[in-house]
Amino acid sequence: MAYSEVVEDLEDFSLEAKIMAMLRENKITRDSDIHVHANNGIVTVSGHMASPQKARQVQCIVSNVYGVKGVKNALTAPNDEVTVTRSAADSVQVAQPSPSGTEPAEKSSAP
């Protein structure tokens, strides 16, 4: 395994831990069974939420974590007639890194 791959894996692991800590602290998500996987800054959230609205709230929370480049929402909810489709899951919020690298990233929508 090359050094750059190890660095990427560590960055993804660190990002996953940061996101899980935020979800555990949030009153909306702390009791939810949410799984988080990061791959080069693109985060996939999966699991089951109480409502479609709460699933969208999770996506919003995760997309605002510094270091997240995009979010693929694979959460399910009861009475959710349509689960997230591939095209919907691929429409992600892309974080633009701040110039200083120390401030939270600004958000912009990606097509």
C-alpha atoms as a PDB file:
ATOM      1  CA  MET A   1       0.000   0.000   0.000  1.00  0.00           C
ATOM      2  CA  ALA A   2       1.459   3.347  -1.052  1.00  0.00           C
ATOM      3  CA  TYR A   3       1.938   6.188   1.399  1.00  0.00           C
ATOM      4  CA  SER A   4      -0.710   8.335  -0.344  1.00  0.00           C
ATOM      5  CA  GLU A   5      -3.294   5.531   0.029  1.00  0.00           C
ATOM      6  CA  VAL A   6      -2.544   5.284   3.744  1.00  0.00           C
ATOM      7  CA  VAL A   7      -2.978   9.052   4.112  1.00  0.00           C
ATOM      8  CA  GLU A   8      -6.315   8.936   2.234  1.00  0.00           C
ATOM      9  CA  ASP A   9      -7.521   6.050   4.421  1.00  0.00           C
ATOM     10  CA  LEU A  10      -6.565   7.933   7.583  1.00  0.00           C
ATOM     11  CA  GLU A  11      -8.297  11.099   6.373  1.00  0.00           C
ATOM     12  CA  ASP A  12     -11.468   9.141   5.571  1.00  0.00           C
ATOM     13  CA  PHE A  13     -11.358   7.351   8.937  1.00  0.00           C
ATOM     14  CA  SER A  14     -10.905  10.690  10.729  1.00  0.00           C
ATOM     15  CA  LEU A  15     -13.794  12.210   8.759  1.00  0.00           C
ATOM     16  CA  GLU A  16     -16.054   9.245   9.611  1.00  0.00           C
ATOM     17  CA  ALA A  17     -15.211   9.621  13.318  1.00  0.00           C
ATOM     18  CA  LYS A  18     -15.890  13.375  13.217  1.00  0.00           C
ATOM     19  CA  ILE A  19     -19.269  12.821  11.545  1.00  0.00           C
ATOM     20  CA  MET A  20     -20.281  10.049  13.958  1.00  0.00           C
ATOM     21  CA  ALA A  21     -19.417  12.319  16.913  1.00  0.00           C
ATOM     22  CA  MET A  22     -21.588  15.101  15.465  1.00  0.00           C
ATOM     23  CA  LEU A  23     -24.488  12.710  14.860  1.00  0.00           C
ATOM     24  CA  ARG A  24     -24.220  11.357  18.432  1.00  0.00           C
ATOM     25  CA  GLU A  25     -24.305  14.920  19.829  1.00  0.00           C
ATOM     26  CA  ASN A  26     -27.321  16.027  17.765  1.00  0.00           C
ATOM     27  CA  LYS A  27     -30.683  15.520  19.494  1.00  0.00           C
ATOM     28  CA  ILE A  28     -32.358  14.558  16.205  1.00  0.00           C
ATOM     29  CA  THR A  29     -29.844  11.848  15.296  1.00  0.00           C
ATOM     30  CA  ARG A  30     -28.314  10.623  18.576  1.00  0.00           C
ATOM     31  CA  ASP A  31     -30.657   7.628  18.919  1.00  0.00           C
ATOM     32  CA  SER A  32     -30.653   6.706  15.231  1.00  0.00           C
ATOM     33  CA  ASP A  33     -28.912   3.752  13.641  1.00  0.00           C
ATOM     34  CA  ILE A  34     -26.839   5.594  11.051  1.00  0.00           C
ATOM     35  CA  HIS A  35     -23.844   4.141   9.269  1.00  0.00           C
ATOM     36  CA  VAL A  36     -21.190   6.409   7.803  1.00  0.00           C
ATOM     37  CA  HIS A  37     -18.616   5.548   5.156  1.00  0.00           C
ATOM     38  CA  ALA A  38     -16.177   8.041   3.640  1.00  0.00           C
ATOM     39  CA  ASN A  39     -14.226   7.525   0.441  1.00  0.00           C
ATOM     40  CA  ASN A  40     -11.913  10.372  -0.541  1.00  0.00           C
ATOM     41  CA  GLY A  41     -14.198  12.882   1.201  1.00  0.00           C
ATOM     42  CA  ILE A  42     -17.434  11.598  -0.350  1.00  0.00           C
ATOM     43  CA  VAL A  43     -19.595  10.378   2.535  1.00  0.00           C
ATOM     44  CA  THR A  44     -22.327   7.759   2.242  1.00  0.00           C
ATOM     45  CA  VAL A  45     -24.884   7.691   5.054  1.00  0.00           C
ATOM     46  CA  SER A  46     -27.106   4.639   5.383  1.00  0.00           C
ATOM     47  CA  GLY A  47     -29.480   3.189   7.931  1.00  0.00           C
ATOM     48  CA  HIS A  48     -33.049   3.838   8.980  1.00  0.00           C
ATOM     49  CA  MET A  49     -34.639   7.101  10.104  1.00  0.00           C
ATOM     50  CA  ALA A  50     -38.059   7.794  11.607  1.00  0.00           C
ATOM     51  CA  SER A  51     -39.149  10.005   8.688  1.00  0.00           C
ATOM     52  CA  PRO A  52     -37.988  11.234   5.288  1.00  0.00           C
ATOM     53  CA  GLN A  53     -37.574  14.715   6.804  1.00  0.00           C
ATOM     54  CA  LYS A  54     -35.138  13.385   9.412  1.00  0.00           C
ATOM     55  CA  ALA A  55     -33.199  11.571   6.687  1.00  0.00           C
ATOM     56  CA  ARG A  56     -32.821  14.895   4.850  1.00  0.00           C
ATOM     57  CA  GLN A  57     -31.735  16.565   8.110  1.00  0.00           C
ATOM     58  CA  VAL A  58     -28.963  13.978   8.482  1.00  0.00           C
ATOM     59  CA  GLN A  59     -27.753  14.787   4.983  1.00  0.00           C
ATOM     60  CA  CYS A  60     -27.720  18.499   5.848  1.00  0.00           C
ATOM     61  CA  ILE A  61     -25.786  17.904   9.088  1.00  0.00           C
ATOM     62  CA  VAL A  62     -23.215  15.707   7.356  1.00  0.00           C
ATOM     63  CA  SER A  63     -22.787  18.069   4.396  1.00  0.00           C
ATOM     64  CA  ASN A  64     -21.829  20.870   6.803  1.00  0.00           C
ATOM     65  CA  VAL A  65     -18.913  18.951   8.334  1.00  0.00           C
ATOM     66  CA  TYR A  66     -15.582  20.430   7.279  1.00  0.00           C
ATOM     67  CA  GLY A  67     -13.779  18.030   4.960  1.00  0.00           C
ATOM     68  CA  VAL A  68     -16.929  16.557   3.404  1.00  0.00           C
ATOM     69  CA  LYS A  69     -16.796  16.911  -0.367  1.00  0.00           C
ATOM     70  CA  GLY A  70     -20.200  15.347  -0.977  1.00  0.00           C
ATOM     71  CA  VAL A  71     -22.949  13.256   0.610  1.00  0.00           C
ATOM     72  CA  LYS A  72     -24.716  10.230  -0.827  1.00  0.00           C
ATOM     73  CA  ASN A  73     -27.898   9.718   1.169  1.00  0.00           C
ATOM     74  CA  ALA A  74     -28.873   6.030   1.327  1.00  0.00           C
ATOM     75  CA  LEU A  75     -31.077   6.392   4.426  1.00  0.00           C
ATOM     76  CA  THR A  76     -34.521   4.795   4.455  1.00  0.00           C
ATOM     77  CA  ALA A  77     -37.648   5.848   6.337  1.00  0.00           C
ATOM     78  CA  PRO A  78     -41.166   4.443   6.860  1.00  0.00           C
ATOM     79  CA  ASN A  79     -43.866   5.783   4.542  1.00  0.00           C
ATOM     80  CA  ASP A  80     -41.079   6.832   2.225  1.00  0.00           C
ATOM     81  CA  GLU A  81     -42.713   5.766  -1.034  1.00  0.00           C
ATOM     82  CA  VAL A  82     -39.540   6.251  -3.006  1.00  0.00           C
ATOM     83  CA  THR A  83     -36.143   5.501  -1.565  1.00  0.00           C
ATOM     84  CA  VAL A  84     -33.241   7.620  -2.677  1.00  0.00           C
ATOM     85  CA  THR A  85     -32.544   6.843  -6.303  1.00  0.00           C
ATOM     86  CA  ARG A  86     -29.080   6.692  -7.802  1.00  0.00           C
ATOM     87  CA  SER A  87     -29.519  10.039  -9.561  1.00  0.00           C
ATOM     88  CA  ALA A  88     -30.805  11.664  -6.361  1.00  0.00           C
ATOM     89  CA  ALA A  89     -27.987  10.135  -4.341  1.00  0.00           C
ATOM     90  CA  ASP A  90     -25.441  11.454  -6.807  1.00  0.00           C
ATOM     91  CA  SER A  91     -26.645  15.045  -6.483  1.00  0.00           C
ATOM     92  CA  VAL A  92     -24.348  16.034  -3.687  1.00  0.00           C
ATOM     93  CA  GLN A  93     -23.339  19.217  -1.931  1.00  0.00           C
ATOM     94  CA  VAL A  94     -19.746  19.975  -2.795  1.00  0.00           C
ATOM     95  CA  ALA A  95     -17.625  21.766  -0.215  1.00  0.00           C
ATOM     96  CA  GLN A  96     -15.242  24.339  -1.589  1.00  0.00           C
ATOM     97  CA  PRO A  97     -12.164  24.527   0.665  1.00  0.00           C
ATOM     98  CA  SER A  98     -11.560  27.894   2.265  1.00  0.00           C
ATOM     99  CA  PRO A  99      -8.456  29.775   1.124  1.00  0.00           C
ATOM    100  CA  SER A 100      -6.800  29.646   4.538  1.00  0.00           C
ATOM    101  CA  GLY A 101      -7.569  25.973   5.112  1.00  0.00           C
ATOM    102  CA  THR A 102      -8.557  26.733   8.717  1.00  0.00           C
ATOM    103  CA  GLU A 103     -12.080  28.064   8.289  1.00  0.00           C
ATOM    104  CA  PRO A 104     -15.158  25.927   7.571  1.00  0.00           C
ATOM    105  CA  ALA A 105     -15.755  25.288   3.908  1.00  0.00           C
ATOM    106  CA  GLU A 106     -18.308  27.222   1.892  1.00  0.00           C
ATOM    107  CA  LYS A 107     -21.059  25.195   0.238  1.00  0.00           C
ATOM    108  CA  SER A 108     -22.057  25.256  -3.397  1.00  0.00           C
ATOM    109  CA  SER A 109     -24.437  22.983  -5.257  1.00  0.00           C
ATOM    110  CA  ALA A 110     -22.950  20.604  -7.770  1.00  0.00           C
ATOM    111  CA  PRO A 111     -24.978  19.466 -10.785  1.00  0.00           C
END
